[in-house]
Amino acid sequence: MALFKKRTVGKPGEWYYCLEHQKVEEGPECPAKDRFGPYASRQEAEHAMATAREKNLQWENDPRWHDASARGEDDQG
């Protein structure tokens, strides 16, 4: 018995953004490797790329994720 069942039909109300086709889909139409989601609404899925950019920017500027060695500083203080 497989651990994960492959779902071929999406659920109504589950929204995804397909990176391959650059479009919003209701239910998973494209492979998981090519999509963001699920989102609770079509509007959230439509803004998936903007949300990803914002989160990436937050991560890049978060000092908790950048230690001294990554900046080339001496860790021994």
N, C-alpha and C. Protein backbone atom coordinates (compact mmCIF):
# COMPACT_ATOMS: atom_id res chain seq x y z
N MET A 1 0.84 -1.19 0.00
CA MET A 1 0.00 0.00 0.00
C MET A 1 0.89 1.25 0.00
N ALA A 2 0.58 2.18 -0.85
CA ALA A 2 1.37 3.41 -0.97
C ALA A 2 1.10 4.33 0.21
N LEU A 3 2.15 5.02 0.65
CA LEU A 3 2.00 5.99 1.72
C LEU A 3 1.20 7.21 1.29
N PHE A 4 1.46 7.65 0.08
CA PHE A 4 0.79 8.83 -0.44
C PHE A 4 -0.02 8.43 -1.66
N LYS A 5 -1.26 8.79 -1.66
CA LYS A 5 -2.10 8.49 -2.80
C LYS A 5 -2.01 9.63 -3.80
N LYS A 6 -1.85 9.29 -5.06
CA LYS A 6 -1.80 10.31 -6.10
C LYS A 6 -3.21 10.77 -6.40
N ARG A 7 -3.44 12.04 -6.21
CA ARG A 7 -4.75 12.61 -6.45
C ARG A 7 -4.78 13.16 -7.86
N THR A 8 -5.70 12.69 -8.64
CA THR A 8 -5.78 13.14 -10.03
C THR A 8 -6.83 14.22 -10.22
N VAL A 9 -7.75 14.35 -9.30
CA VAL A 9 -8.80 15.34 -9.40
C VAL A 9 -8.69 16.29 -8.21
N GLY A 10 -8.74 17.58 -8.48
CA GLY A 10 -8.63 18.55 -7.41
C GLY A 10 -9.92 18.71 -6.64
N LYS A 11 -9.78 19.29 -5.46
CA LYS A 11 -10.93 19.59 -4.62
C LYS A 11 -11.46 20.98 -4.97
N PRO A 12 -12.75 21.12 -5.06
CA PRO A 12 -13.30 22.47 -5.25
C PRO A 12 -12.91 23.34 -4.06
N GLY A 13 -12.52 24.55 -4.34
CA GLY A 13 -12.14 25.47 -3.27
C GLY A 13 -10.66 25.45 -2.94
N GLU A 14 -9.89 24.55 -3.52
CA GLU A 14 -8.44 24.54 -3.37
C GLU A 14 -7.84 25.23 -4.57
N TRP A 15 -7.08 26.26 -4.35
CA TRP A 15 -6.53 27.05 -5.45
C TRP A 15 -5.02 26.95 -5.47
N TYR A 16 -4.45 26.91 -6.65
CA TYR A 16 -3.02 26.79 -6.86
C TYR A 16 -2.57 27.80 -7.91
N TYR A 17 -1.29 28.12 -7.88
CA TYR A 17 -0.70 28.93 -8.94
C TYR A 17 0.31 28.05 -9.66
N CYS A 18 0.11 27.84 -10.95
CA CYS A 18 0.99 27.01 -11.76
C CYS A 18 2.14 27.86 -12.28
N LEU A 19 3.36 27.48 -11.91
CA LEU A 19 4.55 28.20 -12.34
C LEU A 19 4.85 27.96 -13.81
N GLU A 20 4.53 26.79 -14.30
CA GLU A 20 4.77 26.42 -15.69
C GLU A 20 3.90 27.24 -16.65
N HIS A 21 2.61 27.31 -16.34
CA HIS A 21 1.66 27.98 -17.22
C HIS A 21 1.34 29.41 -16.79
N GLN A 22 1.85 29.80 -15.61
CA GLN A 22 1.62 31.13 -15.03
C GLN A 22 0.13 31.46 -14.97
N LYS A 23 -0.61 30.52 -14.36
CA LYS A 23 -2.06 30.74 -14.23
C LYS A 23 -2.56 30.10 -12.94
N VAL A 24 -3.73 30.55 -12.54
CA VAL A 24 -4.39 30.03 -11.34
C VAL A 24 -5.21 28.82 -11.73
N GLU A 25 -5.16 27.79 -10.88
CA GLU A 25 -5.92 26.56 -11.12
C GLU A 25 -6.76 26.23 -9.90
N GLU A 26 -7.95 25.74 -10.12
CA GLU A 26 -8.75 25.23 -9.00
C GLU A 26 -8.51 23.73 -8.94
N GLY A 27 -7.96 23.30 -7.82
CA GLY A 27 -7.56 21.90 -7.70
C GLY A 27 -6.23 21.70 -8.40
N PRO A 28 -5.46 20.72 -8.00
CA PRO A 28 -4.15 20.53 -8.62
C PRO A 28 -4.26 19.93 -10.01
N GLU A 29 -4.05 20.76 -11.02
CA GLU A 29 -4.06 20.29 -12.40
C GLU A 29 -2.66 19.89 -12.85
N CYS A 30 -1.67 20.66 -12.44
CA CYS A 30 -0.29 20.42 -12.84
C CYS A 30 0.47 19.71 -11.72
N PRO A 31 1.64 19.11 -12.04
CA PRO A 31 2.42 18.42 -11.03
C PRO A 31 2.83 19.35 -9.88
N ALA A 32 3.02 18.79 -8.71
CA ALA A 32 3.36 19.56 -7.52
C ALA A 32 4.65 20.37 -7.71
N LYS A 33 5.58 19.84 -8.48
CA LYS A 33 6.85 20.55 -8.69
C LYS A 33 6.66 21.86 -9.45
N ASP A 34 5.52 22.03 -10.09
CA ASP A 34 5.28 23.21 -10.92
C ASP A 34 4.25 24.17 -10.34
N ARG A 35 3.94 24.04 -9.05
CA ARG A 35 2.88 24.91 -8.52
C ARG A 35 3.14 25.34 -7.09
N PHE A 36 2.51 26.45 -6.72
CA PHE A 36 2.44 26.94 -5.35
C PHE A 36 1.03 26.69 -4.87
N GLY A 37 0.87 26.38 -3.60
CA GLY A 37 -0.46 26.21 -3.04
C GLY A 37 -0.54 24.99 -2.16
N PRO A 38 -1.69 24.73 -1.63
CA PRO A 38 -2.99 25.31 -1.93
C PRO A 38 -3.23 26.63 -1.20
N TYR A 39 -4.06 27.43 -1.80
CA TYR A 39 -4.52 28.69 -1.23
C TYR A 39 -6.01 28.58 -0.96
N ALA A 40 -6.48 29.37 0.00
CA ALA A 40 -7.88 29.31 0.40
C ALA A 40 -8.81 30.00 -0.60
N SER A 41 -8.25 30.92 -1.40
CA SER A 41 -9.10 31.64 -2.34
C SER A 41 -8.36 31.86 -3.66
N ARG A 42 -9.13 32.16 -4.68
CA ARG A 42 -8.56 32.47 -5.99
C ARG A 42 -7.67 33.71 -5.91
N GLN A 43 -8.09 34.70 -5.13
CA GLN A 43 -7.33 35.94 -5.00
C GLN A 43 -5.95 35.68 -4.39
N GLU A 44 -5.88 34.81 -3.38
CA GLU A 44 -4.58 34.48 -2.78
C GLU A 44 -3.68 33.82 -3.82
N ALA A 45 -4.23 32.91 -4.60
CA ALA A 45 -3.45 32.23 -5.63
C ALA A 45 -2.98 33.21 -6.70
N GLU A 46 -3.81 34.18 -7.04
CA GLU A 46 -3.44 35.18 -8.05
C GLU A 46 -2.24 36.00 -7.60
N HIS A 47 -2.07 36.16 -6.29
CA HIS A 47 -0.97 36.96 -5.74
C HIS A 47 0.19 36.09 -5.26
N ALA A 48 0.25 34.85 -5.70
CA ALA A 48 1.26 33.91 -5.22
C ALA A 48 2.68 34.40 -5.48
N MET A 49 2.95 34.92 -6.65
CA MET A 49 4.30 35.37 -6.97
C MET A 49 4.70 36.58 -6.14
N ALA A 50 3.78 37.51 -5.92
CA ALA A 50 4.08 38.68 -5.09
C ALA A 50 4.32 38.25 -3.64
N THR A 51 3.52 37.30 -3.17
CA THR A 51 3.70 36.79 -1.81
C THR A 51 5.06 36.11 -1.67
N ALA A 52 5.45 35.34 -2.66
CA ALA A 52 6.76 34.66 -2.63
C ALA A 52 7.89 35.68 -2.62
N ARG A 53 7.78 36.73 -3.43
CA ARG A 53 8.82 37.78 -3.45
C ARG A 53 8.93 38.45 -2.08
N GLU A 54 7.79 38.76 -1.47
CA GLU A 54 7.79 39.40 -0.15
C GLU A 54 8.44 38.51 0.90
N LYS A 55 8.09 37.24 0.89
CA LYS A 55 8.65 36.30 1.88
C LYS A 55 10.15 36.10 1.65
N ASN A 56 10.57 36.04 0.39
CA ASN A 56 12.00 35.92 0.10
C ASN A 56 12.77 37.13 0.60
N LEU A 57 12.22 38.32 0.39
CA LEU A 57 12.86 39.55 0.84
C LEU A 57 12.95 39.57 2.37
N GLN A 58 11.88 39.16 3.04
CA GLN A 58 11.90 39.10 4.51
C GLN A 58 12.99 38.14 4.99
N TRP A 59 13.08 36.99 4.35
CA TRP A 59 14.08 36.00 4.74
C TRP A 59 15.49 36.52 4.50
N GLU A 60 15.71 37.14 3.36
CA GLU A 60 17.04 37.65 3.03
C GLU A 60 17.51 38.72 4.00
N ASN A 61 16.57 39.44 4.60
CA ASN A 61 16.91 40.53 5.51
C ASN A 61 16.75 40.17 6.99
N ASP A 62 16.45 38.92 7.28
CA ASP A 62 16.26 38.48 8.66
C ASP A 62 17.60 38.07 9.27
N PRO A 63 18.06 38.80 10.27
CA PRO A 63 19.37 38.48 10.85
C PRO A 63 19.42 37.10 11.53
N ARG A 64 18.30 36.55 11.89
CA ARG A 64 18.30 35.23 12.52
C ARG A 64 18.77 34.14 11.56
N TRP A 65 18.69 34.39 10.25
CA TRP A 65 19.05 33.38 9.26
C TRP A 65 20.42 33.61 8.65
N HIS A 66 21.12 34.63 9.11
CA HIS A 66 22.43 34.94 8.55
C HIS A 66 23.43 35.04 9.70
N ASP A 67 24.29 34.02 9.81
CA ASP A 67 25.27 34.03 10.89
C ASP A 67 26.53 34.76 10.45
N ALA A 68 27.44 34.95 11.37
CA ALA A 68 28.66 35.70 11.11
C ALA A 68 29.52 35.04 10.03
N SER A 69 29.60 33.73 10.00
CA SER A 69 30.43 33.05 9.02
C SER A 69 29.92 33.27 7.60
N ALA A 70 28.63 33.44 7.44
CA ALA A 70 28.07 33.69 6.11
C ALA A 70 28.46 35.08 5.61
N ARG A 71 28.71 36.01 6.55
CA ARG A 71 29.10 37.36 6.17
C ARG A 71 30.62 37.50 6.08
N GLY A 72 31.35 36.43 6.41
CA GLY A 72 32.80 36.47 6.35
C GLY A 72 33.43 37.03 7.61
N GLU A 73 32.67 37.13 8.68
CA GLU A 73 33.18 37.65 9.95
C GLU A 73 33.74 36.50 10.77
N ASP A 74 34.58 36.84 11.72
CA ASP A 74 35.18 35.84 12.61
C ASP A 74 34.16 35.43 13.67
N ASP A 75 33.92 34.13 13.80
CA ASP A 75 32.94 33.62 14.77
C ASP A 75 33.45 33.67 16.20
N GLN A 76 34.75 33.86 16.42
CA GLN A 76 35.30 33.78 17.76
C GLN A 76 35.21 35.09 18.52
N GLY A 77 34.74 36.17 17.91
CA GLY A 77 34.44 37.42 18.56
C GLY A 77 35.58 38.04 19.19
